[in-house]
Amino acid sequence: GPTRKMPLTASAMDFFQLFVPDNVLKNMVVQTNMYAKKYQERFGKDDAWIDVTLTEMKAFLGYMISTSIHHCESVLSIWSSGFYSNKSIALIMTQLRFEKILKYFHIVAFRSSQTTHGLYKIQPFLDSLQNGFDSAFRPSQAQVLHEPLIDEDPVFIATCTERELRKRKKRKFSLWVRQCSSTGFICQIYVHLKEGSGADGLDALKNKPQLHSMVAKSLCQNASGKNYIIFTGPSITSLNLFEEFEKQGIYCCGLLSTRKSDCTGLPPSMLNNPETPQSRGQYRIRMKGNMSLICWYNKGHFRFLTNAYSPVQQGVIIKRKSGEIPCPLAVEAFAAHLSYICKYDDKYSKYFISHKPNKTWQQVFWFAISIAINNAYILYKMSEAYHVTRYSRAQFGERLVKELLGLEDTSPSH
């Protein structure tokens, strides 16, 4: 749970600033002004530009975050006269001023001579965000590695032309997270860049299990010796990775797939389906040291690899129609913890910022800000402030937007 006690009067902004404090926002102000100055030296003076202030930077973020609540196609809709216009917040800043800040907005204005990393323009922000996640929250023992849902709002996709949709699908990175499965709090973010179609590109990542294990190791680099149980999907699950994690004091439970997983070192007899028909709930087990390979049948064969649960401990999966189906405890635990993540995706993925810039570092930045706000709301729900004013996720977002814009009325609209 949370590592610090927040006061009863804590606002949405207080929770957000656990991850994005004023010193980070001030750095955005400095870097944006530096970039604007250098840009004008190179391409000619921009008479409409004056240096951005901290107040304006907060308002700029507020406008962007408002798209996560109202799901407008463009943030500029706020100043329009259409359905997504918002006169109450449009008066804080003119559209022209907003567009100027958007044009010059930067977190790192210039590349240093030593920098080779593709995310150099956002890496300091991601590092700061990670420090905030680590210091504000202690995750539960059970955690999940997965790709969160960061796709467009389905209603918005339905209104897109085919050409627009094709253009939007060209995302040049893959975002992975390590997530506390009992609260939904995202403990760590890992961004894998598609840097061409080479061996390390995103296309290779989709096909090569060793690249997935590289992602898993990066996400768990701070988890050594803490006895965490990490749940993984078929693309990450492998015997070599689990054995390596076990040496670091990290335990695992993962779903295996003969198509997607790296099955090196596993007995072929367990990977092939038996010829004799099986009844639901039946399972076979093979063990090597602490590692168990379980083949469980329920309208199909499901294989699990684990060193976190004893294969002889019994569990049960409850289905609405067919009632209770017996299974090993590892299977029950995997299903339970994965269902927590599904609930998180259903509840929070629709609150990702709708603005989709062309630059990859900006896309990563707005996704990271969205995750930070979701984490802030999770901490808010676990605090005493939630018992004073019970805001929903949408109301929390509206309140944060108003506080960033400096509006005194911070009560949510109903």
Protein backbone atom coordinates (compact mmCIF):
# COMPACT_ATOMS: atom_id res chain seq x y z
CA GLY A 1 0.00 0.00 0.00
CA PRO A 2 0.93 3.72 0.19
CA THR A 3 4.18 4.56 2.00
CA ARG A 4 2.99 7.92 3.31
CA LYS A 5 -0.20 9.12 4.96
CA MET A 6 -1.96 11.87 2.99
CA PRO A 7 -4.07 14.46 4.88
CA LEU A 8 -7.88 14.36 4.83
CA THR A 9 -7.86 17.59 2.79
CA ALA A 10 -5.46 16.21 0.11
CA SER A 11 -6.55 17.27 -3.39
CA ALA A 12 -6.24 15.46 -6.74
CA MET A 13 -3.24 17.70 -7.45
CA ASP A 14 -1.50 16.54 -4.24
CA PHE A 15 -1.74 12.90 -5.35
CA PHE A 16 -0.64 13.73 -8.92
CA GLN A 17 2.38 15.65 -7.64
CA LEU A 18 3.64 12.57 -5.81
CA PHE A 19 4.75 11.51 -9.31
CA VAL A 20 5.00 14.80 -11.24
CA PRO A 21 6.24 17.37 -8.68
CA ASP A 22 6.80 21.09 -9.32
CA ASN A 23 10.54 20.67 -9.96
CA VAL A 24 9.71 18.36 -12.93
CA LEU A 25 7.20 20.91 -14.26
CA LYS A 26 9.74 23.74 -13.82
CA ASN A 27 12.25 21.74 -15.85
CA MET A 28 9.64 21.42 -18.64
CA VAL A 29 9.29 25.23 -18.56
CA VAL A 30 13.07 25.76 -18.82
CA GLN A 31 13.56 23.17 -21.59
CA THR A 32 10.57 24.45 -23.62
CA ASN A 33 11.88 28.02 -23.49
CA MET A 34 15.40 26.86 -24.44
CA TYR A 35 14.03 24.90 -27.41
CA ALA A 36 11.88 27.84 -28.54
CA LYS A 37 14.91 30.17 -28.43
CA LYS A 38 17.12 27.77 -30.40
CA TYR A 39 14.35 27.06 -32.91
CA GLN A 40 13.87 30.78 -33.60
CA GLU A 41 17.62 31.34 -33.95
CA ARG A 42 17.62 28.71 -36.67
CA PHE A 43 14.32 29.34 -38.49
CA GLY A 44 13.58 33.01 -37.79
CA LYS A 45 11.95 35.01 -35.03
CA ASP A 46 8.40 34.14 -33.90
CA ASP A 47 6.82 37.44 -32.80
CA ALA A 48 3.82 35.63 -31.27
CA TRP A 49 6.03 33.72 -28.81
CA ILE A 50 6.81 34.79 -25.25
CA ASP A 51 8.49 32.52 -22.71
CA VAL A 52 6.15 30.06 -21.04
CA THR A 53 5.60 30.23 -17.26
CA LEU A 54 4.98 27.49 -14.66
CA THR A 55 1.30 28.52 -14.42
CA GLU A 56 0.91 28.21 -18.20
CA MET A 57 2.69 24.82 -18.23
CA LYS A 58 0.25 23.50 -15.63
CA ALA A 59 -2.68 24.83 -17.69
CA PHE A 60 -1.18 23.22 -20.84
CA LEU A 61 -1.07 19.84 -19.07
CA GLY A 62 -4.60 20.44 -17.76
CA TYR A 63 -5.96 20.89 -21.29
CA MET A 64 -4.26 17.69 -22.47
CA ILE A 65 -5.51 15.69 -19.48
CA SER A 66 -9.07 16.91 -20.13
CA THR A 67 -9.06 14.81 -23.35
CA SER A 68 -8.77 11.66 -21.21
CA ILE A 69 -12.17 12.41 -19.66
CA HIS A 70 -14.09 13.72 -22.67
CA HIS A 71 -12.34 11.65 -25.41
CA CYS A 72 -12.34 14.42 -27.98
CA GLU A 73 -10.43 13.69 -31.19
CA SER A 74 -8.37 16.87 -30.91
CA VAL A 75 -7.49 18.93 -27.87
CA LEU A 76 -8.27 22.01 -30.00
CA SER A 77 -11.96 21.01 -29.86
CA ILE A 78 -12.04 22.77 -26.46
CA TRP A 79 -12.03 26.15 -28.22
CA SER A 80 -14.43 25.12 -31.02
CA SER A 81 -18.16 25.63 -31.07
CA GLY A 82 -18.83 21.90 -31.54
CA PHE A 83 -19.88 19.06 -29.25
CA TYR A 84 -16.52 18.84 -27.42
CA SER A 85 -16.15 22.56 -26.75
CA ASN A 86 -15.62 23.51 -23.12
CA LYS A 87 -16.24 27.19 -22.49
CA SER A 88 -15.53 26.94 -18.75
CA ILE A 89 -11.87 26.05 -19.27
CA ALA A 90 -11.33 27.63 -22.73
CA LEU A 91 -11.10 31.11 -21.16
CA ILE A 92 -7.94 30.31 -19.16
CA MET A 93 -5.70 30.34 -22.25
CA THR A 94 -6.25 31.31 -25.88
CA GLN A 95 -6.07 28.63 -28.57
CA LEU A 96 -3.19 30.50 -30.24
CA ARG A 97 -1.14 30.49 -27.03
CA PHE A 98 -1.86 26.79 -26.46
CA GLU A 99 -0.73 25.92 -30.01
CA LYS A 100 2.51 27.87 -29.51
CA ILE A 101 3.32 25.95 -26.31
CA LEU A 102 2.45 22.69 -28.07
CA LYS A 103 4.80 23.60 -30.93
CA TYR A 104 7.81 24.20 -28.68
CA PHE A 105 7.02 21.80 -25.80
CA HIS A 106 10.10 19.80 -24.71
CA ILE A 107 11.41 17.85 -21.71
CA VAL A 108 15.00 17.64 -23.00
CA ALA A 109 15.70 20.38 -25.55
CA PHE A 110 19.08 19.18 -26.83
CA ARG A 111 20.86 15.88 -27.29
CA SER A 112 24.13 15.58 -25.37
CA SER A 113 27.18 14.26 -27.23
CA GLN A 114 27.18 11.03 -25.17
CA THR A 115 23.50 10.22 -25.79
CA THR A 116 22.70 7.34 -28.11
CA HIS A 117 19.39 6.23 -26.59
CA GLY A 118 16.33 6.79 -28.79
CA LEU A 119 14.27 8.04 -25.85
CA TYR A 120 16.78 10.67 -24.69
CA LYS A 121 14.11 13.39 -24.98
CA ILE A 122 11.97 11.73 -22.32
CA GLN A 123 14.28 9.45 -20.31
CA PRO A 124 14.84 11.95 -17.41
CA PHE A 125 11.06 12.23 -17.01
CA LEU A 126 10.61 8.42 -17.03
CA ASP A 127 13.39 8.09 -14.42
CA SER A 128 11.75 10.72 -12.21
CA LEU A 129 8.37 9.01 -12.60
CA GLN A 130 9.92 5.66 -11.62
CA ASN A 131 11.39 7.20 -8.47
CA GLY A 132 7.92 8.53 -7.63
CA PHE A 133 6.32 5.11 -8.12
CA ASP A 134 9.00 3.42 -5.97
CA SER A 135 8.82 5.91 -3.10
CA ALA A 136 5.02 6.32 -2.94
CA PHE A 137 3.88 2.69 -2.97
CA ARG A 138 4.86 -0.79 -1.75
CA PRO A 139 3.37 -3.43 -4.06
CA SER A 140 1.84 -6.70 -2.89
CA GLN A 141 3.72 -9.99 -3.31
CA ALA A 142 1.80 -10.95 -6.48
CA GLN A 143 2.54 -8.90 -9.61
CA VAL A 144 1.88 -9.24 -13.33
CA LEU A 145 4.05 -8.42 -16.36
CA HIS A 146 1.95 -7.43 -19.38
CA GLU A 147 1.19 -4.84 -22.06
CA PRO A 148 -1.62 -2.57 -20.83
CA LEU A 149 -4.44 -1.56 -23.16
CA ILE A 150 -3.34 1.72 -24.71
CA ASP A 151 -5.51 1.64 -27.80
CA GLU A 152 -7.89 4.32 -28.98
CA ASP A 153 -11.36 4.78 -27.58
CA PRO A 154 -13.58 2.30 -29.56
CA VAL A 155 -16.26 4.96 -30.18
CA PHE A 156 -13.60 7.27 -31.60
CA ILE A 157 -12.18 4.48 -33.81
CA ALA A 158 -15.64 3.93 -35.29
CA THR A 159 -15.71 7.56 -36.48
CA CYS A 160 -12.22 7.42 -38.08
CA THR A 161 -11.74 7.10 -41.82
CA GLU A 162 -9.75 4.06 -42.95
CA ARG A 163 -6.82 6.27 -43.92
CA GLU A 164 -6.72 7.93 -40.48
CA LEU A 165 -6.88 4.52 -38.79
CA ARG A 166 -3.98 3.17 -40.84
CA LYS A 167 -1.94 6.25 -39.99
CA ARG A 168 -2.66 5.92 -36.27
CA LYS A 169 -1.70 2.23 -36.11
CA LYS A 170 1.95 3.00 -36.85
CA ARG A 171 3.05 3.20 -33.22
CA LYS A 172 6.83 2.91 -33.06
CA PHE A 173 7.13 1.49 -29.57
CA SER A 174 5.80 -1.19 -27.28
CA LEU A 175 4.89 -0.35 -23.66
CA TRP A 176 5.22 -3.01 -20.94
CA VAL A 177 4.49 -2.73 -17.22
CA ARG A 178 5.00 -4.53 -13.92
CA GLN A 179 1.75 -4.15 -12.04
CA CYS A 180 0.60 -4.93 -8.50
CA SER A 181 -2.21 -7.39 -9.19
CA SER A 182 -4.24 -6.77 -6.03
CA THR A 183 -4.51 -2.96 -6.42
CA GLY A 184 -3.74 -2.33 -10.11
CA PHE A 185 -0.92 0.12 -9.22
CA ILE A 186 1.68 0.14 -12.02
CA CYS A 187 5.09 -0.24 -10.32
CA GLN A 188 7.32 0.02 -13.37
CA ILE A 189 7.15 1.02 -17.04
CA TYR A 190 9.40 -0.31 -19.80
CA VAL A 191 9.35 1.17 -23.31
CA HIS A 192 10.75 -0.88 -26.19
CA LEU A 193 11.46 1.24 -29.26
CA LYS A 194 10.94 0.08 -32.81
CA GLU A 195 14.22 1.29 -34.26
CA GLY A 196 13.83 -0.06 -37.76
CA SER A 197 13.05 -3.64 -38.71
CA GLY A 198 16.33 -5.03 -37.36
CA ALA A 199 16.82 -7.75 -34.77
CA ASP A 200 15.85 -5.41 -31.91
CA GLY A 201 12.82 -3.89 -33.61
CA LEU A 202 9.22 -4.25 -32.55
CA ASP A 203 8.53 -6.82 -35.31
CA ALA A 204 11.24 -9.04 -33.82
CA LEU A 205 9.85 -8.44 -30.34
CA LYS A 206 6.53 -9.94 -31.40
CA ASN A 207 8.24 -13.15 -32.56
CA LYS A 208 11.34 -13.75 -30.46
CA PRO A 209 10.94 -15.03 -26.89
CA GLN A 210 14.47 -13.91 -25.97
CA LEU A 211 13.45 -10.29 -26.52
CA HIS A 212 10.43 -10.81 -24.29
CA SER A 213 12.72 -12.21 -21.59
CA MET A 214 14.88 -9.07 -22.00
CA VAL A 215 11.76 -6.99 -21.30
CA ALA A 216 10.95 -9.14 -18.24
CA LYS A 217 14.49 -8.75 -16.84
CA SER A 218 14.32 -4.96 -17.28
CA LEU A 219 10.95 -4.79 -15.50
CA CYS A 220 12.19 -6.93 -12.59
CA GLN A 221 15.64 -5.40 -12.10
CA ASN A 222 14.53 -3.77 -8.81
CA ALA A 223 12.60 -6.83 -7.59
CA SER A 224 15.50 -9.09 -6.55
CA GLY A 225 15.40 -10.69 -3.11
CA LYS A 226 11.88 -9.50 -2.24
CA ASN A 227 10.12 -12.88 -2.72
CA TYR A 228 7.72 -11.43 -5.28
CA ILE A 229 5.56 -13.82 -7.30
CA ILE A 230 5.52 -12.66 -10.93
CA PHE A 231 2.69 -13.80 -13.22
CA THR A 232 3.50 -13.86 -16.95
CA GLY A 233 1.74 -14.51 -20.24
CA PRO A 234 2.80 -17.06 -22.89
CA SER A 235 5.22 -14.73 -24.69
CA ILE A 236 7.38 -14.25 -21.57
CA THR A 237 7.07 -17.66 -19.84
CA SER A 238 10.18 -19.82 -20.27
CA LEU A 239 12.16 -22.30 -18.15
CA ASN A 240 15.47 -20.40 -18.55
CA LEU A 241 13.95 -17.08 -17.44
CA PHE A 242 12.16 -18.60 -14.43
CA GLU A 243 15.34 -20.38 -13.28
CA GLU A 244 17.28 -17.13 -13.60
CA PHE A 245 14.63 -15.26 -11.59
CA GLU A 246 14.63 -17.94 -8.90
CA LYS A 247 18.35 -17.31 -8.28
CA GLN A 248 17.44 -13.65 -7.63
CA GLY A 249 14.71 -14.52 -5.14
CA ILE A 250 11.87 -13.84 -7.60
CA TYR A 251 9.24 -16.58 -8.05
CA CYS A 252 7.07 -17.03 -11.12
CA CYS A 253 3.86 -18.53 -12.43
CA GLY A 254 3.22 -18.36 -16.16
CA LEU A 255 0.94 -19.67 -18.86
CA LEU A 256 2.76 -21.68 -21.55
CA SER A 257 1.93 -21.84 -25.23
CA THR A 258 3.59 -24.29 -27.62
CA ARG A 259 3.33 -21.58 -30.32
CA LYS A 260 4.31 -18.40 -28.44
CA SER A 261 6.55 -19.60 -25.60
CA ASP A 262 10.19 -20.61 -25.53
CA CYS A 263 9.77 -24.31 -24.63
CA THR A 264 13.53 -25.09 -24.47
CA GLY A 265 14.32 -27.65 -21.76
CA LEU A 266 10.71 -28.78 -21.22
CA PRO A 267 9.70 -32.46 -21.69
CA PRO A 268 8.02 -32.98 -25.11
CA SER A 269 5.59 -35.53 -23.58
CA MET A 270 3.97 -32.67 -21.61
CA LEU A 271 3.78 -30.36 -24.63
CA ASN A 272 1.83 -32.86 -26.76
CA ASN A 273 -1.86 -33.45 -26.07
CA PRO A 274 -2.67 -37.03 -24.92
CA GLU A 275 -4.62 -39.22 -27.34
CA THR A 276 -7.10 -40.44 -24.72
CA PRO A 277 -9.95 -37.96 -24.05
CA GLN A 278 -9.80 -36.23 -20.67
CA SER A 279 -12.51 -34.93 -18.38
CA ARG A 280 -12.57 -31.33 -17.13
CA GLY A 281 -10.33 -30.68 -14.16
CA GLN A 282 -7.87 -33.52 -14.88
CA TYR A 283 -4.18 -32.61 -14.89
CA ARG A 284 -0.68 -34.05 -15.24
CA ILE A 285 2.46 -32.81 -13.47
CA ARG A 286 6.20 -33.04 -14.12
CA MET A 287 8.70 -31.61 -11.64
CA LYS A 288 12.37 -30.63 -11.67
CA GLY A 289 13.62 -29.19 -8.37
CA ASN A 290 11.20 -26.41 -7.38
CA MET A 291 9.87 -26.07 -10.93
CA SER A 292 6.54 -27.67 -11.86
CA LEU A 293 5.04 -28.07 -15.32
CA ILE A 294 1.26 -28.54 -15.10
CA CYS A 295 -0.96 -29.63 -17.98
CA TRP A 296 -4.59 -28.98 -16.97
CA TYR A 297 -7.67 -29.78 -19.06
CA ASN A 298 -10.76 -27.53 -19.28
CA LYS A 299 -12.35 -27.54 -22.76
CA GLY A 300 -8.74 -27.58 -24.00
CA HIS A 301 -5.26 -28.16 -22.60
CA PHE A 302 -3.67 -25.36 -20.56
CA ARG A 303 -0.04 -25.57 -19.50
CA PHE A 304 1.47 -23.67 -16.58
CA LEU A 305 5.06 -23.36 -15.45
CA THR A 306 5.64 -22.35 -11.81
CA ASN A 307 8.09 -22.43 -8.93
CA ALA A 308 5.85 -20.38 -6.62
CA TYR A 309 3.15 -22.95 -5.81
CA SER A 310 3.24 -26.60 -4.82
CA PRO A 311 1.63 -28.67 -7.60
CA VAL A 312 -0.04 -30.97 -5.05
CA GLN A 313 -1.97 -28.11 -3.41
CA GLN A 314 -5.55 -28.13 -4.63
CA GLY A 315 -7.52 -25.16 -5.89
CA VAL A 316 -10.80 -24.59 -7.66
CA ILE A 317 -12.08 -22.42 -10.49
CA ILE A 318 -15.71 -21.36 -10.21
CA LYS A 319 -17.65 -21.02 -13.47
CA ARG A 320 -21.10 -19.50 -13.56
CA LYS A 321 -22.64 -22.30 -15.63
CA SER A 322 -20.59 -25.39 -14.86
CA GLY A 323 -19.93 -24.74 -11.16
CA GLU A 324 -16.62 -25.69 -9.55
CA ILE A 325 -13.79 -27.21 -11.60
CA PRO A 326 -10.88 -28.75 -9.61
CA CYS A 327 -7.37 -27.57 -10.49
CA PRO A 328 -3.91 -27.13 -8.91
CA LEU A 329 -3.53 -24.01 -6.74
CA ALA A 330 -1.17 -22.43 -9.30
CA VAL A 331 -3.95 -22.44 -11.92
CA GLU A 332 -6.44 -20.84 -9.51
CA ALA A 333 -3.91 -18.16 -8.51
CA PHE A 334 -3.04 -17.38 -12.13
CA ALA A 335 -6.70 -16.97 -13.10
CA ALA A 336 -7.44 -14.79 -10.05
CA HIS A 337 -4.52 -12.41 -10.50
CA LEU A 338 -5.07 -12.09 -14.24
CA SER A 339 -8.72 -11.21 -13.63
CA TYR A 340 -7.57 -8.29 -11.42
CA ILE A 341 -5.62 -6.90 -14.37
CA CYS A 342 -8.60 -7.34 -16.70
CA LYS A 343 -10.67 -5.31 -14.23
CA TYR A 344 -7.97 -2.62 -14.19
CA ASP A 345 -7.91 -2.45 -18.00
CA ASP A 346 -11.71 -2.24 -18.15
CA LYS A 347 -11.81 0.49 -15.50
CA TYR A 348 -8.80 2.66 -16.30
CA SER A 349 -7.69 2.14 -19.93
CA LYS A 350 -10.46 4.44 -21.17
CA TYR A 351 -8.85 7.33 -19.26
CA PHE A 352 -5.72 7.50 -21.39
CA ILE A 353 -5.09 10.92 -22.95
CA SER A 354 -6.66 11.03 -26.42
CA HIS A 355 -4.10 13.41 -27.96
CA LYS A 356 -1.89 11.38 -30.37
CA PRO A 357 1.13 13.38 -31.57
CA ASN A 358 3.38 12.23 -34.42
CA LYS A 359 6.60 12.27 -32.39
CA THR A 360 7.27 9.00 -30.57
CA TRP A 361 8.73 10.60 -27.42
CA GLN A 362 5.57 12.72 -27.06
CA GLN A 363 3.32 9.64 -27.45
CA VAL A 364 5.30 7.89 -24.70
CA PHE A 365 5.08 11.03 -22.52
CA TRP A 366 1.27 11.26 -22.68
CA PHE A 367 0.91 7.53 -22.00
CA ALA A 368 3.23 7.90 -18.98
CA ILE A 369 1.21 10.89 -17.70
CA SER A 370 -2.00 8.85 -18.08
CA ILE A 371 -0.49 5.99 -16.05
CA ALA A 372 0.67 8.48 -13.39
CA ILE A 373 -2.89 9.85 -13.04
CA ASN A 374 -4.36 6.33 -12.76
CA ASN A 375 -1.76 5.53 -10.07
CA ALA A 376 -2.62 8.80 -8.28
CA TYR A 377 -6.30 7.81 -8.26
CA ILE A 378 -5.45 4.35 -6.84
CA LEU A 379 -3.51 6.01 -3.99
CA TYR A 380 -6.41 8.45 -3.48
CA LYS A 381 -8.86 5.53 -3.14
CA MET A 382 -6.59 3.95 -0.51
CA SER A 383 -6.30 7.20 1.50
CA GLU A 384 -8.53 8.77 4.14
CA ALA A 385 -9.29 11.65 1.75
CA TYR A 386 -11.45 9.21 -0.26
CA HIS A 387 -13.76 8.70 2.73
CA VAL A 388 -14.31 12.47 2.93
CA THR A 389 -15.14 13.06 -0.76
CA ARG A 390 -15.75 9.91 -2.83
CA TYR A 391 -14.77 10.91 -6.36
CA SER A 392 -15.10 8.50 -9.27
CA ARG A 393 -12.16 8.22 -11.71
CA ALA A 394 -13.83 10.70 -14.10
CA GLN A 395 -14.55 13.17 -11.28
CA PHE A 396 -10.98 12.84 -10.01
CA GLY A 397 -9.73 13.66 -13.52
CA GLU A 398 -12.04 16.69 -13.79
CA ARG A 399 -10.90 17.94 -10.41
CA LEU A 400 -7.23 17.55 -11.39
CA VAL A 401 -7.84 19.49 -14.63
CA LYS A 402 -9.46 22.37 -12.75
CA GLU A 403 -6.66 22.47 -10.19
CA LEU A 404 -4.01 22.52 -12.94
CA LEU A 405 -5.89 25.36 -14.66
CA GLY A 406 -6.06 27.27 -11.39
CA LEU A 407 -9.86 27.33 -11.19
CA GLU A 408 -11.07 27.86 -7.64
CA ASP A 409 -14.16 25.68 -8.04
CA THR A 410 -12.66 22.18 -7.75
CA SER A 411 -15.91 20.31 -7.12
CA PRO A 412 -16.61 17.70 -9.83
CA SER A 413 -19.48 18.11 -12.23
CA HIS A 414 -22.22 15.49 -11.90
